[in-house]
Amino acid sequence: MVVLLGALLLMLAFRSIVIPLTAAVMNLLSAGAAFGVVVVVAAFTVRVGTNLLGLGSSGPVEAFLPVMMLGILFGLSMDYQDFLVSRMHEEWARTGDNHKQCEPDRLQPGGSSGPPPRS
């Protein structure tokens, strides 16, 4: 439900269908990967950690962890998508060229990232 509401918000903000769909897919992929890491760590800790670390056998995953992880991952991925598309729109508004808006700054002399150009 959170992913759908985020996609709807991006759809309203950018008046596009592709941008919210890519953001929703990337959000689901990142959440799946993060939860997979939690499962692997929890399984390792329950099997090995009880002897090495002296942990109990109930498991280390607290009830609030998935909720907090999803909230943090959702916020980071939506912010990244928003900043990325806003930067592309700024470049398009400045030049009016659709191809130039997708070129990374580091390929241009004086760009904001990458090493300085050689003389």
C-alpha atoms as a PDB file:
ATOM      1  CA  MET A   1       0.000   0.000   0.000  1.00  0.00           C
ATOM      2  CA  VAL A   2       2.868   2.375   0.841  1.00  0.00           C
ATOM      3  CA  VAL A   3       4.536   1.706  -2.512  1.00  0.00           C
ATOM      4  CA  LEU A   4       1.288   2.388  -4.395  1.00  0.00           C
ATOM      5  CA  LEU A   5       0.715   5.652  -2.549  1.00  0.00           C
ATOM      6  CA  GLY A   6       4.296   6.710  -3.231  1.00  0.00           C
ATOM      7  CA  ALA A   7       3.890   5.868  -6.914  1.00  0.00           C
ATOM      8  CA  LEU A   8       0.640   7.855  -7.014  1.00  0.00           C
ATOM      9  CA  LEU A   9       2.361  10.839  -5.415  1.00  0.00           C
ATOM     10  CA  LEU A  10       5.213  10.700  -7.939  1.00  0.00           C
ATOM     11  CA  MET A  11       2.660  10.328 -10.738  1.00  0.00           C
ATOM     12  CA  LEU A  12       0.951  13.511  -9.626  1.00  0.00           C
ATOM     13  CA  ALA A  13       4.223  15.372  -9.109  1.00  0.00           C
ATOM     14  CA  PHE A  14       5.879  14.497 -12.424  1.00  0.00           C
ATOM     15  CA  ARG A  15       2.816  13.775 -14.614  1.00  0.00           C
ATOM     16  CA  SER A  16       4.399  10.569 -15.850  1.00  0.00           C
ATOM     17  CA  ILE A  17       3.747   6.836 -15.640  1.00  0.00           C
ATOM     18  CA  VAL A  18       7.252   5.465 -16.242  1.00  0.00           C
ATOM     19  CA  ILE A  19       8.940   7.392 -13.415  1.00  0.00           C
ATOM     20  CA  PRO A  20       6.604   6.174 -10.635  1.00  0.00           C
ATOM     21  CA  LEU A  21       6.659   2.606 -11.941  1.00  0.00           C
ATOM     22  CA  THR A  22      10.466   2.467 -11.956  1.00  0.00           C
ATOM     23  CA  ALA A  23      10.550   3.995  -8.476  1.00  0.00           C
ATOM     24  CA  ALA A  24       8.034   1.414  -7.194  1.00  0.00           C
ATOM     25  CA  VAL A  25       9.936  -1.503  -8.730  1.00  0.00           C
ATOM     26  CA  MET A  26      13.261  -0.290  -7.339  1.00  0.00           C
ATOM     27  CA  ASN A  27      11.668   0.243  -3.933  1.00  0.00           C
ATOM     28  CA  LEU A  28      10.331  -3.324  -3.901  1.00  0.00           C
ATOM     29  CA  LEU A  29      13.687  -4.716  -5.034  1.00  0.00           C
ATOM     30  CA  SER A  30      15.625  -2.832  -2.369  1.00  0.00           C
ATOM     31  CA  ALA A  31      13.165  -3.842   0.357  1.00  0.00           C
ATOM     32  CA  GLY A  32      13.352  -7.481  -0.758  1.00  0.00           C
ATOM     33  CA  ALA A  33      17.138  -7.410  -0.714  1.00  0.00           C
ATOM     34  CA  ALA A  34      17.233  -5.776   2.721  1.00  0.00           C
ATOM     35  CA  PHE A  35      14.769  -8.242   4.193  1.00  0.00           C
ATOM     36  CA  GLY A  36      16.731 -11.102   2.637  1.00  0.00           C
ATOM     37  CA  VAL A  37      19.862  -9.882   4.402  1.00  0.00           C
ATOM     38  CA  VAL A  38      17.937  -9.728   7.679  1.00  0.00           C
ATOM     39  CA  VAL A  39      16.765 -13.324   7.207  1.00  0.00           C
ATOM     40  CA  VAL A  40      20.308 -14.530   6.472  1.00  0.00           C
ATOM     41  CA  VAL A  41      21.748 -12.707   9.478  1.00  0.00           C
ATOM     42  CA  ALA A  42      18.949 -13.953  11.739  1.00  0.00           C
ATOM     43  CA  ALA A  43      19.392 -17.553  10.580  1.00  0.00           C
ATOM     44  CA  PHE A  44      23.154 -17.349  11.071  1.00  0.00           C
ATOM     45  CA  THR A  45      22.793 -15.789  14.499  1.00  0.00           C
ATOM     46  CA  VAL A  46      20.248 -18.348  15.685  1.00  0.00           C
ATOM     47  CA  ARG A  47      22.326 -21.303  14.483  1.00  0.00           C
ATOM     48  CA  VAL A  48      25.853 -20.113  15.209  1.00  0.00           C
ATOM     49  CA  GLY A  49      25.404 -17.108  17.475  1.00  0.00           C
ATOM     50  CA  THR A  50      23.839 -19.037  20.336  1.00  0.00           C
ATOM     51  CA  ASN A  51      27.122 -20.796  20.979  1.00  0.00           C
ATOM     52  CA  LEU A  52      29.540 -18.018  20.007  1.00  0.00           C
ATOM     53  CA  LEU A  53      27.760 -14.941  21.322  1.00  0.00           C
ATOM     54  CA  GLY A  54      25.627 -16.464  24.070  1.00  0.00           C
ATOM     55  CA  LEU A  55      22.347 -15.233  22.561  1.00  0.00           C
ATOM     56  CA  GLY A  56      19.003 -16.793  23.341  1.00  0.00           C
ATOM     57  CA  SER A  57      17.243 -19.127  20.940  1.00  0.00           C
ATOM     58  CA  SER A  58      14.223 -16.858  20.429  1.00  0.00           C
ATOM     59  CA  GLY A  59      15.868 -14.997  17.556  1.00  0.00           C
ATOM     60  CA  PRO A  60      17.342 -11.511  17.214  1.00  0.00           C
ATOM     61  CA  VAL A  61      14.708  -9.927  14.922  1.00  0.00           C
ATOM     62  CA  GLU A  62      12.559  -7.502  16.867  1.00  0.00           C
ATOM     63  CA  ALA A  63       8.996  -6.747  15.779  1.00  0.00           C
ATOM     64  CA  PHE A  64       9.714  -3.102  14.946  1.00  0.00           C
ATOM     65  CA  LEU A  65      12.669  -3.868  12.635  1.00  0.00           C
ATOM     66  CA  PRO A  66      10.729  -4.618   9.409  1.00  0.00           C
ATOM     67  CA  VAL A  67       8.525  -1.549   9.872  1.00  0.00           C
ATOM     68  CA  MET A  68      11.509   0.731  10.462  1.00  0.00           C
ATOM     69  CA  MET A  69      13.465  -0.783   7.569  1.00  0.00           C
ATOM     70  CA  LEU A  70      10.585  -0.357   5.132  1.00  0.00           C
ATOM     71  CA  GLY A  71      10.059   3.246   6.201  1.00  0.00           C
ATOM     72  CA  ILE A  72      13.733   4.151   5.862  1.00  0.00           C
ATOM     73  CA  LEU A  73      14.161   2.325   2.543  1.00  0.00           C
ATOM     74  CA  PHE A  74      10.990   3.858   1.135  1.00  0.00           C
ATOM     75  CA  GLY A  75      12.069   7.351   2.134  1.00  0.00           C
ATOM     76  CA  LEU A  76      15.544   6.958   0.668  1.00  0.00           C
ATOM     77  CA  SER A  77      14.389   5.475  -2.629  1.00  0.00           C
ATOM     78  CA  MET A  78      11.627   8.049  -3.176  1.00  0.00           C
ATOM     79  CA  ASP A  79      13.981  10.912  -2.320  1.00  0.00           C
ATOM     80  CA  TYR A  80      16.586   9.559  -4.722  1.00  0.00           C
ATOM     81  CA  GLN A  81      14.019   9.232  -7.516  1.00  0.00           C
ATOM     82  CA  ASP A  82      12.707  12.729  -6.831  1.00  0.00           C
ATOM     83  CA  PHE A  83      16.178  14.309  -6.852  1.00  0.00           C
ATOM     84  CA  LEU A  84      17.216  12.413  -9.977  1.00  0.00           C
ATOM     85  CA  VAL A  85      14.155  13.400 -11.997  1.00  0.00           C
ATOM     86  CA  SER A  86      14.250  16.986 -10.706  1.00  0.00           C
ATOM     87  CA  ARG A  87      17.870  17.301 -11.865  1.00  0.00           C
ATOM     88  CA  MET A  88      16.954  15.922 -15.285  1.00  0.00           C
ATOM     89  CA  HIS A  89      14.073  18.406 -15.522  1.00  0.00           C
ATOM     90  CA  GLU A  90      16.359  21.307 -14.572  1.00  0.00           C
ATOM     91  CA  GLU A  91      18.780  20.334 -17.336  1.00  0.00           C
ATOM     92  CA  TRP A  92      15.946  20.029 -19.849  1.00  0.00           C
ATOM     93  CA  ALA A  93      14.556  23.439 -18.826  1.00  0.00           C
ATOM     94  CA  ARG A  94      18.029  24.955 -19.243  1.00  0.00           C
ATOM     95  CA  THR A  95      18.881  23.424 -22.638  1.00  0.00           C
ATOM     96  CA  GLY A  96      15.609  22.128 -24.105  1.00  0.00           C
ATOM     97  CA  ASP A  97      17.476  19.043 -25.342  1.00  0.00           C
ATOM     98  CA  ASN A  98      16.033  15.660 -24.344  1.00  0.00           C
ATOM     99  CA  HIS A  99      19.302  13.805 -24.937  1.00  0.00           C
ATOM    100  CA  LYS A 100      21.432  16.280 -23.019  1.00  0.00           C
ATOM    101  CA  GLN A 101      19.263  16.003 -19.902  1.00  0.00           C
ATOM    102  CA  CYS A 102      20.306  12.371 -19.403  1.00  0.00           C
ATOM    103  CA  GLU A 103      24.058  12.896 -19.830  1.00  0.00           C
ATOM    104  CA  PRO A 104      25.966  12.681 -16.579  1.00  0.00           C
ATOM    105  CA  ASP A 105      27.619  15.854 -15.305  1.00  0.00           C
ATOM    106  CA  ARG A 106      31.013  14.202 -15.066  1.00  0.00           C
ATOM    107  CA  LEU A 107      31.318  13.993 -18.847  1.00  0.00           C
ATOM    108  CA  GLN A 108      31.155  17.754 -19.152  1.00  0.00           C
ATOM    109  CA  PRO A 109      34.034  20.090 -18.276  1.00  0.00           C
ATOM    110  CA  GLY A 110      33.321  21.854 -15.027  1.00  0.00           C
ATOM    111  CA  GLY A 111      30.680  19.325 -13.975  1.00  0.00           C
ATOM    112  CA  SER A 112      29.805  18.777 -10.367  1.00  0.00           C
ATOM    113  CA  SER A 113      31.301  15.283 -10.133  1.00  0.00           C
ATOM    114  CA  GLY A 114      34.399  13.527 -11.318  1.00  0.00           C
ATOM    115  CA  PRO A 115      37.982  14.676 -11.633  1.00  0.00           C
ATOM    116  CA  PRO A 116      38.816  18.059 -13.147  1.00  0.00           C
ATOM    117  CA  PRO A 117      39.437  18.076 -16.909  1.00  0.00           C
ATOM    118  CA  ARG A 118      43.014  17.676 -18.099  1.00  0.00           C
ATOM    119  CA  SER A 119      44.650  20.476 -19.976  1.00  0.00           C
END
